[in-house]
Amino acid sequence: MGIKLESNDRMVRSIIRTVDRDDLMSEEELRVLREGADIRMQAATGIDPGDDTMKLSVAITLLLDSADVLVAVCEHLRDQAQDAGASVAWMDAARRALDYQLACVVAGFKATIEPL
């Protein structure tokens, strides 16, 4: 991975260490991380995603759905690249370009949510 992940959260650090150890994330590790992220968001905010009667629930639901979509699109890109027989050079260039996209997501978080 071109971007180094860090977290103040003990559970997230543990997952990051597991991924960094072998540079792979299994489907099970990804599922556990996504479920944990959703559970933590609900526990931290008290907002039940999908309950549009609660203030902020639309924003929280959109955030959770967007994270799921981002992962799904990455999986789709991987599958299409493999099916198309994309070259190693193309995949390396695509990974570097995706690093920039992910950096924009992190920078957006740091500029908007982290200062709160």
PDB file of N, CA and C in Angstrom:
ATOM      1  N   MET A   1       0.850  -1.173   0.000  1.00  0.00           N
ATOM      2  CA  MET A   1       0.000   0.000   0.000  1.00  0.00           C
ATOM      3  C   MET A   1       0.897   1.238   0.000  1.00  0.00           C
ATOM      4  N   GLY A   2       0.574   2.196  -0.837  1.00  0.00           N
ATOM      5  CA  GLY A   2       1.368   3.401  -0.935  1.00  0.00           C
ATOM      6  C   GLY A   2       1.110   4.383   0.185  1.00  0.00           C
ATOM      7  N   ILE A   3      -0.064   4.296   0.817  1.00  0.00           N
ATOM      8  CA  ILE A   3      -0.404   5.201   1.906  1.00  0.00           C
ATOM      9  C   ILE A   3      -0.236   4.453   3.210  1.00  0.00           C
ATOM     10  N   LYS A   4       0.421   5.070   4.171  1.00  0.00           N
ATOM     11  CA  LYS A   4       0.625   4.466   5.481  1.00  0.00           C
ATOM     12  C   LYS A   4      -0.541   4.853   6.377  1.00  0.00           C
ATOM     13  N   LEU A   5      -1.240   3.861   6.912  1.00  0.00           N
ATOM     14  CA  LEU A   5      -2.368   4.107   7.782  1.00  0.00           C
ATOM     15  C   LEU A   5      -1.948   4.068   9.239  1.00  0.00           C
ATOM     16  N   GLU A   6      -2.517   4.962  10.018  1.00  0.00           N
ATOM     17  CA  GLU A   6      -2.304   4.986  11.461  1.00  0.00           C
ATOM     18  C   GLU A   6      -3.629   5.331  12.114  1.00  0.00           C
ATOM     19  N   SER A   7      -3.785   4.919  13.364  1.00  0.00           N
ATOM     20  CA  SER A   7      -5.010   5.231  14.088  1.00  0.00           C
ATOM     21  C   SER A   7      -4.714   5.324  15.570  1.00  0.00           C
ATOM     22  N   ASN A   8      -5.496   6.138  16.255  1.00  0.00           N
ATOM     23  CA  ASN A   8      -5.424   6.215  17.713  1.00  0.00           C
ATOM     24  C   ASN A   8      -6.261   5.118  18.354  1.00  0.00           C
ATOM     25  N   ASP A   9      -7.092   4.460  17.577  1.00  0.00           N
ATOM     26  CA  ASP A   9      -7.986   3.424  18.080  1.00  0.00           C
ATOM     27  C   ASP A   9      -7.255   2.084  18.116  1.00  0.00           C
ATOM     28  N   ARG A  10      -7.316   1.400  19.264  1.00  0.00           N
ATOM     29  CA  ARG A  10      -6.601   0.144  19.455  1.00  0.00           C
ATOM     30  C   ARG A  10      -7.043  -0.930  18.459  1.00  0.00           C
ATOM     31  N   MET A  11      -8.348  -1.078  18.247  1.00  0.00           N
ATOM     32  CA  MET A  11      -8.849  -2.110  17.338  1.00  0.00           C
ATOM     33  C   MET A  11      -8.422  -1.825  15.899  1.00  0.00           C
ATOM     34  N   VAL A  12      -8.510  -0.578  15.481  1.00  0.00           N
ATOM     35  CA  VAL A  12      -8.105  -0.222  14.121  1.00  0.00           C
ATOM     36  C   VAL A  12      -6.599  -0.447  13.955  1.00  0.00           C
ATOM     37  N   ARG A  13      -5.808  -0.080  14.968  1.00  0.00           N
ATOM     38  CA  ARG A  13      -4.354  -0.332  14.900  1.00  0.00           C
ATOM     39  C   ARG A  13      -4.067  -1.817  14.720  1.00  0.00           C
ATOM     40  N   SER A  14      -4.814  -2.663  15.429  1.00  0.00           N
ATOM     41  CA  SER A  14      -4.613  -4.105  15.322  1.00  0.00           C
ATOM     42  C   SER A  14      -4.891  -4.590  13.902  1.00  0.00           C
ATOM     43  N   ILE A  15      -5.965  -4.092  13.307  1.00  0.00           N
ATOM     44  CA  ILE A  15      -6.301  -4.481  11.928  1.00  0.00           C
ATOM     45  C   ILE A  15      -5.236  -3.986  10.965  1.00  0.00           C
ATOM     46  N   ILE A  16      -4.781  -2.753  11.151  1.00  0.00           N
ATOM     47  CA  ILE A  16      -3.741  -2.189  10.284  1.00  0.00           C
ATOM     48  C   ILE A  16      -2.465  -3.021  10.374  1.00  0.00           C
ATOM     49  N   ARG A  17      -2.081  -3.410  11.590  1.00  0.00           N
ATOM     50  CA  ARG A  17      -0.872  -4.233  11.763  1.00  0.00           C
ATOM     51  C   ARG A  17      -1.015  -5.561  11.024  1.00  0.00           C
ATOM     52  N   THR A  18      -2.200  -6.166  11.111  1.00  0.00           N
ATOM     53  CA  THR A  18      -2.432  -7.441  10.422  1.00  0.00           C
ATOM     54  C   THR A  18      -2.281  -7.262   8.924  1.00  0.00           C
ATOM     55  N   VAL A  19      -2.864  -6.210   8.383  1.00  0.00           N
ATOM     56  CA  VAL A  19      -2.773  -5.960   6.938  1.00  0.00           C
ATOM     57  C   VAL A  19      -1.336  -5.638   6.556  1.00  0.00           C
ATOM     58  N   ASP A  20      -0.662  -4.787   7.339  1.00  0.00           N
ATOM     59  CA  ASP A  20       0.711  -4.404   7.014  1.00  0.00           C
ATOM     60  C   ASP A  20       1.674  -5.583   7.097  1.00  0.00           C
ATOM     61  N   ARG A  21       1.363  -6.550   7.943  1.00  0.00           N
ATOM     62  CA  ARG A  21       2.250  -7.699   8.112  1.00  0.00           C
ATOM     63  C   ARG A  21       2.398  -8.474   6.804  1.00  0.00           C
ATOM     64  N   ASP A  22       1.287  -8.675   6.097  1.00  0.00           N
ATOM     65  CA  ASP A  22       1.364  -9.458   4.864  1.00  0.00           C
ATOM     66  C   ASP A  22       0.971  -8.656   3.620  1.00  0.00           C
ATOM     67  N   ASP A  23       0.684  -7.371   3.781  1.00  0.00           N
ATOM     68  CA  ASP A  23       0.282  -6.492   2.677  1.00  0.00           C
ATOM     69  C   ASP A  23      -0.947  -6.994   1.938  1.00  0.00           C
ATOM     70  N   LEU A  24      -1.735  -7.823   2.598  1.00  0.00           N
ATOM     71  CA  LEU A  24      -2.966  -8.329   2.012  1.00  0.00           C
ATOM     72  C   LEU A  24      -4.110  -8.143   2.994  1.00  0.00           C
ATOM     73  N   MET A  25      -5.289  -7.919   2.481  1.00  0.00           N
ATOM     74  CA  MET A  25      -6.470  -7.890   3.328  1.00  0.00           C
ATOM     75  C   MET A  25      -7.425  -8.924   2.773  1.00  0.00           C
ATOM     76  N   SER A  26      -7.712  -9.916   3.594  1.00  0.00           N
ATOM     77  CA  SER A  26      -8.627 -10.966   3.154  1.00  0.00           C
ATOM     78  C   SER A  26     -10.055 -10.424   3.146  1.00  0.00           C
ATOM     79  N   GLU A  27     -10.927 -11.148   2.465  1.00  0.00           N
ATOM     80  CA  GLU A  27     -12.343 -10.770   2.446  1.00  0.00           C
ATOM     81  C   GLU A  27     -12.890 -10.747   3.872  1.00  0.00           C
ATOM     82  N   GLU A  28     -12.450 -11.684   4.709  1.00  0.00           N
ATOM     83  CA  GLU A  28     -12.919 -11.748   6.096  1.00  0.00           C
ATOM     84  C   GLU A  28     -12.428 -10.535   6.897  1.00  0.00           C
ATOM     85  N   GLU A  29     -11.153 -10.167   6.730  1.00  0.00           N
ATOM     86  CA  GLU A  29     -10.630  -8.985   7.423  1.00  0.00           C
ATOM     87  C   GLU A  29     -11.389  -7.731   7.000  1.00  0.00           C
ATOM     88  N   LEU A  30     -11.679  -7.621   5.717  1.00  0.00           N
ATOM     89  CA  LEU A  30     -12.416  -6.467   5.213  1.00  0.00           C
ATOM     90  C   LEU A  30     -13.834  -6.443   5.778  1.00  0.00           C
ATOM     91  N   ARG A  31     -14.494  -7.594   5.803  1.00  0.00           N
ATOM     92  CA  ARG A  31     -15.853  -7.671   6.350  1.00  0.00           C
ATOM     93  C   ARG A  31     -15.877  -7.269   7.816  1.00  0.00           C
ATOM     94  N   VAL A  32     -14.930  -7.782   8.597  1.00  0.00           N
ATOM     95  CA  VAL A  32     -14.861  -7.449  10.023  1.00  0.00           C
ATOM     96  C   VAL A  32     -14.614  -5.956  10.210  1.00  0.00           C
ATOM     97  N   LEU A  33     -13.721  -5.397   9.417  1.00  0.00           N
ATOM     98  CA  LEU A  33     -13.434  -3.973   9.510  1.00  0.00           C
ATOM     99  C   LEU A  33     -14.668  -3.142   9.167  1.00  0.00           C
ATOM    100  N   ARG A  34     -15.356  -3.475   8.069  1.00  0.00           N
ATOM    101  CA  ARG A  34     -16.552  -2.708   7.670  1.00  0.00           C
ATOM    102  C   ARG A  34     -17.649  -2.814   8.724  1.00  0.00           C
ATOM    103  N   GLU A  35     -17.902  -4.029   9.227  1.00  0.00           N
ATOM    104  CA  GLU A  35     -18.939  -4.186  10.250  1.00  0.00           C
ATOM    105  C   GLU A  35     -18.565  -3.418  11.508  1.00  0.00           C
ATOM    106  N   GLY A  36     -17.307  -3.510  11.889  1.00  0.00           N
ATOM    107  CA  GLY A  36     -16.844  -2.774  13.073  1.00  0.00           C
ATOM    108  C   GLY A  36     -16.968  -1.274  12.899  1.00  0.00           C
ATOM    109  N   ALA A  37     -16.683  -0.798  11.690  1.00  0.00           N
ATOM    110  CA  ALA A  37     -16.791   0.635  11.420  1.00  0.00           C
ATOM    111  C   ALA A  37     -18.234   1.103  11.561  1.00  0.00           C
ATOM    112  N   ASP A  38     -19.157   0.326  11.031  1.00  0.00           N
ATOM    113  CA  ASP A  38     -20.575   0.697  11.125  1.00  0.00           C
ATOM    114  C   ASP A  38     -21.059   0.657  12.577  1.00  0.00           C
ATOM    115  N   ILE A  39     -20.660  -0.385  13.309  1.00  0.00           N
ATOM    116  CA  ILE A  39     -21.061  -0.510  14.718  1.00  0.00           C
ATOM    117  C   ILE A  39     -20.501   0.640  15.535  1.00  0.00           C
ATOM    118  N   ARG A  40     -19.232   0.966  15.301  1.00  0.00           N
ATOM    119  CA  ARG A  40     -18.613   2.074  16.053  1.00  0.00           C
ATOM    120  C   ARG A  40     -19.274   3.403  15.728  1.00  0.00           C
ATOM    121  N   MET A  41     -19.628   3.613  14.467  1.00  0.00           N
ATOM    122  CA  MET A  41     -20.284   4.862  14.092  1.00  0.00           C
ATOM    123  C   MET A  41     -21.626   4.988  14.811  1.00  0.00           C
ATOM    124  N   GLN A  42     -22.382   3.907  14.829  1.00  0.00           N
ATOM    125  CA  GLN A  42     -23.678   3.952  15.491  1.00  0.00           C
ATOM    126  C   GLN A  42     -23.513   4.149  16.997  1.00  0.00           C
ATOM    127  N   ALA A  43     -22.545   3.449  17.594  1.00  0.00           N
ATOM    128  CA  ALA A  43     -22.324   3.584  19.033  1.00  0.00           C
ATOM    129  C   ALA A  43     -21.841   4.989  19.395  1.00  0.00           C
ATOM    130  N   ALA A  44     -20.965   5.543  18.577  1.00  0.00           N
ATOM    131  CA  ALA A  44     -20.396   6.864  18.878  1.00  0.00           C
ATOM    132  C   ALA A  44     -21.403   7.988  18.694  1.00  0.00           C
ATOM    133  N   THR A  45     -22.266   7.846  17.689  1.00  0.00           N
ATOM    134  CA  THR A  45     -23.190   8.938  17.372  1.00  0.00           C
ATOM    135  C   THR A  45     -24.585   8.734  17.943  1.00  0.00           C
ATOM    136  N   GLY A  46     -24.916   7.493  18.291  1.00  0.00           N
ATOM    137  CA  GLY A  46     -26.270   7.189  18.725  1.00  0.00           C
ATOM    138  C   GLY A  46     -27.267   7.234  17.584  1.00  0.00           C
ATOM    139  N   ILE A  47     -26.763   7.285  16.367  1.00  0.00           N
ATOM    140  CA  ILE A  47     -27.620   7.398  15.189  1.00  0.00           C
ATOM    141  C   ILE A  47     -27.750   6.035  14.533  1.00  0.00           C
ATOM    142  N   ASP A  48     -28.985   5.656  14.285  1.00  0.00           N
ATOM    143  CA  ASP A  48     -29.265   4.419  13.577  1.00  0.00           C
ATOM    144  C   ASP A  48     -29.313   4.738  12.091  1.00  0.00           C
ATOM    145  N   PRO A  49     -28.291   4.316  11.331  1.00  0.00           N
ATOM    146  CA  PRO A  49     -28.300   4.618   9.894  1.00  0.00           C
ATOM    147  C   PRO A  49     -29.594   4.130   9.256  1.00  0.00           C
ATOM    148  N   GLY A  50     -30.144   4.942   8.431  1.00  0.00           N
ATOM    149  CA  GLY A  50     -31.381   4.586   7.762  1.00  0.00           C
ATOM    150  C   GLY A  50     -32.619   5.140   8.447  1.00  0.00           C
ATOM    151  N   ASP A  51     -32.491   5.563   9.714  1.00  0.00           N
ATOM    152  CA  ASP A  51     -33.621   6.166  10.423  1.00  0.00           C
ATOM    153  C   ASP A  51     -33.634   7.649  10.104  1.00  0.00           C
ATOM    154  N   ASP A  52     -34.359   8.022   9.046  1.00  0.00           N
ATOM    155  CA  ASP A  52     -34.309   9.405   8.581  1.00  0.00           C
ATOM    156  C   ASP A  52     -35.099  10.374   9.447  1.00  0.00           C
ATOM    157  N   THR A  53     -35.607   9.898  10.578  1.00  0.00           N
ATOM    158  CA  THR A  53     -36.278  10.810  11.505  1.00  0.00           C
ATOM    159  C   THR A  53     -35.279  11.440  12.483  1.00  0.00           C
ATOM    160  N   MET A  54     -34.071  10.903  12.533  1.00  0.00           N
ATOM    161  CA  MET A  54     -33.060  11.410  13.467  1.00  0.00           C
ATOM    162  C   MET A  54     -32.196  12.453  12.776  1.00  0.00           C
ATOM    163  N   LYS A  55     -31.874  13.526  13.504  1.00  0.00           N
ATOM    164  CA  LYS A  55     -30.965  14.522  12.952  1.00  0.00           C
ATOM    165  C   LYS A  55     -29.633  13.853  12.630  1.00  0.00           C
ATOM    166  N   LEU A  56     -29.050  14.260  11.568  1.00  0.00           N
ATOM    167  CA  LEU A  56     -27.753  13.774  11.071  1.00  0.00           C
ATOM    168  C   LEU A  56     -27.798  12.363  10.498  1.00  0.00           C
ATOM    169  N   SER A  57     -28.933  11.664  10.588  1.00  0.00           N
ATOM    170  CA  SER A  57     -28.934  10.278  10.110  1.00  0.00           C
ATOM    171  C   SER A  57     -28.711  10.193   8.609  1.00  0.00           C
ATOM    172  N   VAL A  58     -29.185  11.170   7.849  1.00  0.00           N
ATOM    173  CA  VAL A  58     -28.975  11.140   6.401  1.00  0.00           C
ATOM    174  C   VAL A  58     -27.482  11.264   6.101  1.00  0.00           C
ATOM    175  N   ALA A  59     -26.807  12.184   6.784  1.00  0.00           N
ATOM    176  CA  ALA A  59     -25.366  12.363   6.563  1.00  0.00           C
ATOM    177  C   ALA A  59     -24.586  11.120   6.990  1.00  0.00           C
ATOM    178  N   ILE A  60     -24.934  10.543   8.132  1.00  0.00           N
ATOM    179  CA  ILE A  60     -24.239   9.347   8.615  1.00  0.00           C
ATOM    180  C   ILE A  60     -24.477   8.181   7.650  1.00  0.00           C
ATOM    181  N   THR A  61     -25.717   7.988   7.223  1.00  0.00           N
ATOM    182  CA  THR A  61     -26.032   6.903   6.286  1.00  0.00           C
ATOM    183  C   THR A  61     -25.274   7.097   4.978  1.00  0.00           C
ATOM    184  N   LEU A  62     -25.234   8.322   4.484  1.00  0.00           N
ATOM    185  CA  LEU A  62     -24.504   8.614   3.244  1.00  0.00           C
ATOM    186  C   LEU A  62     -23.016   8.312   3.413  1.00  0.00           C
ATOM    187  N   LEU A  63     -22.446   8.669   4.552  1.00  0.00           N
ATOM    188  CA  LEU A  63     -21.036   8.392   4.814  1.00  0.00           C
ATOM    189  C   LEU A  63     -20.773   6.887   4.827  1.00  0.00           C
ATOM    190  N   LEU A  64     -21.598   6.128   5.541  1.00  0.00           N
ATOM    191  CA  LEU A  64     -21.417   4.679   5.599  1.00  0.00           C
ATOM    192  C   LEU A  64     -21.593   4.043   4.223  1.00  0.00           C
ATOM    193  N   ASP A  65     -22.623   4.477   3.509  1.00  0.00           N
ATOM    194  CA  ASP A  65     -22.849   3.942   2.161  1.00  0.00           C
ATOM    195  C   ASP A  65     -21.698   4.287   1.223  1.00  0.00           C
ATOM    196  N   SER A  66     -21.163   5.500   1.354  1.00  0.00           N
ATOM    197  CA  SER A  66     -20.052   5.925   0.497  1.00  0.00           C
ATOM    198  C   SER A  66     -18.814   5.078   0.745  1.00  0.00           C
ATOM    199  N   ALA A  67     -18.554   4.741   2.003  1.00  0.00           N
ATOM    200  CA  ALA A  67     -17.414   3.872   2.320  1.00  0.00           C
ATOM    201  C   ALA A  67     -17.602   2.506   1.666  1.00  0.00           C
ATOM    202  N   ASP A  68     -18.826   1.980   1.753  1.00  0.00           N
ATOM    203  CA  ASP A  68     -19.110   0.685   1.123  1.00  0.00           C
ATOM    204  C   ASP A  68     -18.948   0.758  -0.391  1.00  0.00           C
ATOM    205  N   VAL A  69     -19.419   1.843  -0.983  1.00  0.00           N
ATOM    206  CA  VAL A  69     -19.314   2.018  -2.433  1.00  0.00           C
ATOM    207  C   VAL A  69     -17.851   2.127  -2.849  1.00  0.00           C
ATOM    208  N   LEU A  70     -17.046   2.871  -2.103  1.00  0.00           N
ATOM    209  CA  LEU A  70     -15.628   3.014  -2.430  1.00  0.00           C
ATOM    210  C   LEU A  70     -14.943   1.645  -2.439  1.00  0.00           C
ATOM    211  N   VAL A  71     -15.215   0.835  -1.436  1.00  0.00           N
ATOM    212  CA  VAL A  71     -14.631  -0.509  -1.388  1.00  0.00           C
ATOM    213  C   VAL A  71     -15.129  -1.346  -2.562  1.00  0.00           C
ATOM    214  N   ALA A  72     -16.415  -1.290  -2.841  1.00  0.00           N
ATOM    215  CA  ALA A  72     -16.990  -2.074  -3.943  1.00  0.00           C
ATOM    216  C   ALA A  72     -16.398  -1.661  -5.286  1.00  0.00           C
ATOM    217  N   VAL A  73     -16.192  -0.376  -5.483  1.00  0.00           N
ATOM    218  CA  VAL A  73     -15.609   0.101  -6.741  1.00  0.00           C
ATOM    219  C   VAL A  73     -14.160  -0.369  -6.864  1.00  0.00           C
ATOM    220  N   CYS A  74     -13.421  -0.354  -5.759  1.00  0.00           N
ATOM    221  CA  CYS A  74     -12.043  -0.863  -5.801  1.00  0.00           C
ATOM    222  C   CYS A  74     -12.036  -2.346  -6.159  1.00  0.00           C
ATOM    223  N   GLU A  75     -12.952  -3.109  -5.577  1.00  0.00           N
ATOM    224  CA  GLU A  75     -13.050  -4.535  -5.917  1.00  0.00           C
ATOM    225  C   GLU A  75     -13.404  -4.712  -7.393  1.00  0.00           C
ATOM    226  N   HIS A  76     -14.321  -3.900  -7.884  1.00  0.00           N
ATOM    227  CA  HIS A  76     -14.734  -3.968  -9.288  1.00  0.00           C
ATOM    228  C   HIS A  76     -13.565  -3.618 -10.215  1.00  0.00           C
ATOM    229  N   LEU A  77     -12.813  -2.586  -9.859  1.00  0.00           N
ATOM    230  CA  LEU A  77     -11.649  -2.202 -10.651  1.00  0.00           C
ATOM    231  C   LEU A  77     -10.631  -3.336 -10.678  1.00  0.00           C
ATOM    232  N   ARG A  78     -10.382  -3.948  -9.524  1.00  0.00           N
ATOM    233  CA  ARG A  78      -9.459  -5.088  -9.463  1.00  0.00           C
ATOM    234  C   ARG A  78      -9.918  -6.199 -10.399  1.00  0.00           C
ATOM    235  N   ASP A  79     -11.202  -6.553 -10.304  1.00  0.00           N
ATOM    236  CA  ASP A  79     -11.728  -7.645 -11.120  1.00  0.00           C
ATOM    237  C   ASP A  79     -11.642  -7.324 -12.610  1.00  0.00           C
ATOM    238  N   GLN A  80     -11.997  -6.095 -12.985  1.00  0.00           N
ATOM    239  CA  GLN A  80     -11.934  -5.717 -14.402  1.00  0.00           C
ATOM    240  C   GLN A  80     -10.490  -5.692 -14.903  1.00  0.00           C
ATOM    241  N   ALA A  81      -9.581  -5.202 -14.067  1.00  0.00           N
ATOM    242  CA  ALA A  81      -8.175  -5.164 -14.473  1.00  0.00           C
ATOM    243  C   ALA A  81      -7.645  -6.581 -14.681  1.00  0.00           C
ATOM    244  N   GLN A  82      -8.022  -7.496 -13.781  1.00  0.00           N
ATOM    245  CA  GLN A  82      -7.588  -8.884 -13.937  1.00  0.00           C
ATOM    246  C   GLN A  82      -8.199  -9.502 -15.192  1.00  0.00           C
ATOM    247  N   ASP A  83      -9.489  -9.265 -15.405  1.00  0.00           N
ATOM    248  CA  ASP A  83     -10.165  -9.812 -16.590  1.00  0.00           C
ATOM    249  C   ASP A  83      -9.566  -9.266 -17.887  1.00  0.00           C
ATOM    250  N   ALA A  84      -9.150  -7.992 -17.853  1.00  0.00           N
ATOM    251  CA  ALA A  84      -8.590  -7.359 -19.049  1.00  0.00           C
ATOM    252  C   ALA A  84      -7.120  -7.695 -19.235  1.00  0.00           C
ATOM    253  N   GLY A  85      -6.527  -8.364 -18.255  1.00  0.00           N
ATOM    254  CA  GLY A  85      -5.111  -8.690 -18.347  1.00  0.00           C
ATOM    255  C   GLY A  85      -4.228  -7.449 -18.266  1.00  0.00           C
ATOM    256  N   ALA A  86      -4.629  -6.504 -17.415  1.00  0.00           N
ATOM    257  CA  ALA A  86      -3.865  -5.255 -17.275  1.00  0.00           C
ATOM    258  C   ALA A  86      -2.415  -5.565 -16.903  1.00  0.00           C
ATOM    259  N   SER A  87      -1.517  -4.797 -17.465  1.00  0.00           N
ATOM    260  CA  SER A  87      -0.093  -5.011 -17.224  1.00  0.00           C
ATOM    261  C   SER A  87       0.283  -4.589 -15.803  1.00  0.00           C
ATOM    262  N   VAL A  88       1.404  -5.089 -15.357  1.00  0.00           N
ATOM    263  CA  VAL A  88       1.925  -4.711 -14.040  1.00  0.00           C
ATOM    264  C   VAL A  88       2.171  -3.203 -13.999  1.00  0.00           C
ATOM    265  N   ALA A  89       2.693  -2.656 -15.082  1.00  0.00           N
ATOM    266  CA  ALA A  89       2.963  -1.210 -15.143  1.00  0.00           C
ATOM    267  C   ALA A  89       1.662  -0.413 -15.014  1.00  0.00           C
ATOM    268  N   TRP A  90       0.601  -0.874 -15.694  1.00  0.00           N
ATOM    269  CA  TRP A  90      -0.686  -0.181 -15.604  1.00  0.00           C
ATOM    270  C   TRP A  90      -1.232  -0.241 -14.184  1.00  0.00           C
ATOM    271  N   MET A  91      -1.157  -1.424 -13.553  1.00  0.00           N
ATOM    272  CA  MET A  91      -1.657  -1.574 -12.182  1.00  0.00           C
ATOM    273  C   MET A  91      -0.857  -0.713 -11.211  1.00  0.00           C
ATOM    274  N   ASP A  92       0.465  -0.642 -11.401  1.00  0.00           N
ATOM    275  CA  ASP A  92       1.284   0.216 -10.533  1.00  0.00           C
ATOM    276  C   ASP A  92       0.878   1.681 -10.683  1.00  0.00           C
ATOM    277  N   ALA A  93       0.681   2.114 -11.922  1.00  0.00           N
ATOM    278  CA  ALA A  93       0.267   3.495 -12.170  1.00  0.00           C
ATOM    279  C   ALA A  93      -1.121   3.753 -11.582  1.00  0.00           C
ATOM    280  N   ALA A  94      -2.031   2.803 -11.733  1.00  0.00           N
ATOM    281  CA  ALA A  94      -3.385   2.959 -11.176  1.00  0.00           C
ATOM    282  C   ALA A  94      -3.342   3.018  -9.658  1.00  0.00           C
ATOM    283  N   ARG A  95      -2.511   2.187  -9.025  1.00  0.00           N
ATOM    284  CA  ARG A  95      -2.380   2.219  -7.559  1.00  0.00           C
ATOM    285  C   ARG A  95      -1.863   3.574  -7.093  1.00  0.00           C
ATOM    286  N   ARG A  96      -0.869   4.098  -7.784  1.00  0.00           N
ATOM    287  CA  ARG A  96      -0.332   5.409  -7.399  1.00  0.00           C
ATOM    288  C   ARG A  96      -1.399   6.489  -7.556  1.00  0.00           C
ATOM    289  N   ALA A  97      -2.168   6.424  -8.638  1.00  0.00           N
ATOM    290  CA  ALA A  97      -3.240   7.405  -8.852  1.00  0.00           C
ATOM    291  C   ALA A  97      -4.313   7.266  -7.778  1.00  0.00           C
ATOM    292  N   LEU A  98      -4.636   6.035  -7.395  1.00  0.00           N
ATOM    293  CA  LEU A  98      -5.626   5.828  -6.338  1.00  0.00           C
ATOM    294  C   LEU A  98      -5.122   6.326  -4.989  1.00  0.00           C
ATOM    295  N   ASP A  99      -3.819   6.259  -4.762  1.00  0.00           N
ATOM    296  CA  ASP A  99      -3.256   6.836  -3.538  1.00  0.00           C
ATOM    297  C   ASP A  99      -3.632   8.313  -3.422  1.00  0.00           C
ATOM    298  N   TYR A 100      -3.569   9.026  -4.545  1.00  0.00           N
ATOM    299  CA  TYR A 100      -3.943  10.446  -4.532  1.00  0.00           C
ATOM    300  C   TYR A 100      -5.416  10.616  -4.182  1.00  0.00           C
ATOM    301  N   GLN A 101      -6.268   9.754  -4.754  1.00  0.00           N
ATOM    302  CA  GLN A 101      -7.699   9.842  -4.452  1.00  0.00           C
ATOM    303  C   GLN A 101      -7.956   9.595  -2.970  1.00  0.00           C
ATOM    304  N   LEU A 102      -7.307   8.574  -2.429  1.00  0.00           N
ATOM    305  CA  LEU A 102      -7.474   8.275  -1.008  1.00  0.00           C
ATOM    306  C   LEU A 102      -6.901   9.383  -0.134  1.00  0.00           C
ATOM    307  N   ALA A 103      -5.814   9.981  -0.575  1.00  0.00           N
ATOM    308  CA  ALA A 103      -5.248  11.115   0.169  1.00  0.00           C
ATOM    309  C   ALA A 103      -6.240  12.274   0.205  1.00  0.00           C
ATOM    310  N   CYS A 104      -6.990  12.471  -0.883  1.00  0.00           N
ATOM    311  CA  CYS A 104      -8.023  13.517  -0.900  1.00  0.00           C
ATOM    312  C   CYS A 104      -9.116  13.221   0.115  1.00  0.00           C
ATOM    313  N   VAL A 105      -9.495  11.952   0.252  1.00  0.00           N
ATOM    314  CA  VAL A 105     -10.511  11.582   1.244  1.00  0.00           C
ATOM    315  C   VAL A 105      -9.993  11.871   2.649  1.00  0.00           C
ATOM    316  N   VAL A 106      -8.759  11.459   2.927  1.00  0.00           N
ATOM    317  CA  VAL A 106      -8.174  11.695   4.243  1.00  0.00           C
ATOM    318  C   VAL A 106      -8.021  13.195   4.504  1.00  0.00           C
ATOM    319  N   ALA A 107      -7.550  13.933   3.508  1.00  0.00           N
ATOM    320  CA  ALA A 107      -7.400  15.384   3.665  1.00  0.00           C
ATOM    321  C   ALA A 107      -8.756  16.045   3.906  1.00  0.00           C
ATOM    322  N   GLY A 108      -9.787  15.565   3.218  1.00  0.00           N
ATOM    323  CA  GLY A 108     -11.126  16.104   3.436  1.00  0.00           C
ATOM    324  C   GLY A 108     -11.593  15.869   4.857  1.00  0.00           C
ATOM    325  N   PHE A 109     -11.316  14.682   5.391  1.00  0.00           N
ATOM    326  CA  PHE A 109     -11.649  14.386   6.788  1.00  0.00           C
ATOM    327  C   PHE A 109     -10.889  15.312   7.730  1.00  0.00           C
ATOM    328  N   LYS A 110      -9.589  15.455   7.492  1.00  0.00           N
ATOM    329  CA  LYS A 110      -8.760  16.292   8.359  1.00  0.00           C
ATOM    330  C   LYS A 110      -9.186  17.759   8.300  1.00  0.00           C
ATOM    331  N   ALA A 111      -9.670  18.202   7.162  1.00  0.00           N
ATOM    332  CA  ALA A 111     -10.061  19.605   7.008  1.00  0.00           C
ATOM    333  C   ALA A 111     -11.456  19.884   7.561  1.00  0.00           C
ATOM    334  N   THR A 112     -12.315  18.862   7.631  1.00  0.00           N
ATOM    335  CA  THR A 112     -13.699  19.133   7.996  1.00  0.00           C
ATOM    336  C   THR A 112     -14.120  18.534   9.348  1.00  0.00           C
ATOM    337  N   ILE A 113     -13.892  17.269   9.533  1.00  0.00           N
ATOM    338  CA  ILE A 113     -14.386  16.575  10.723  1.00  0.00           C
ATOM    339  C   ILE A 113     -13.393  16.621  11.869  1.00  0.00           C
ATOM    340  N   GLU A 114     -12.121  16.375  11.577  1.00  0.00           N
ATOM    341  CA  GLU A 114     -11.120  16.320  12.649  1.00  0.00           C
ATOM    342  C   GLU A 114     -11.072  17.591  13.487  1.00  0.00           C
ATOM    343  N   PRO A 115     -11.227  18.792  12.904  1.00  0.00           N
ATOM    344  CA  PRO A 115     -11.155  20.003  13.724  1.00  0.00           C
ATOM    345  C   PRO A 115     -12.338  20.193  14.690  1.00  0.00           C
ATOM    346  N   LEU A 116     -13.438  19.462  14.473  1.00  0.00           N
ATOM    347  CA  LEU A 116     -14.614  19.642  15.329  1.00  0.00           C
ATOM    348  C   LEU A 116     -14.354  19.296  16.778  1.00  0.00           C
TER     349      LEU A 116
END
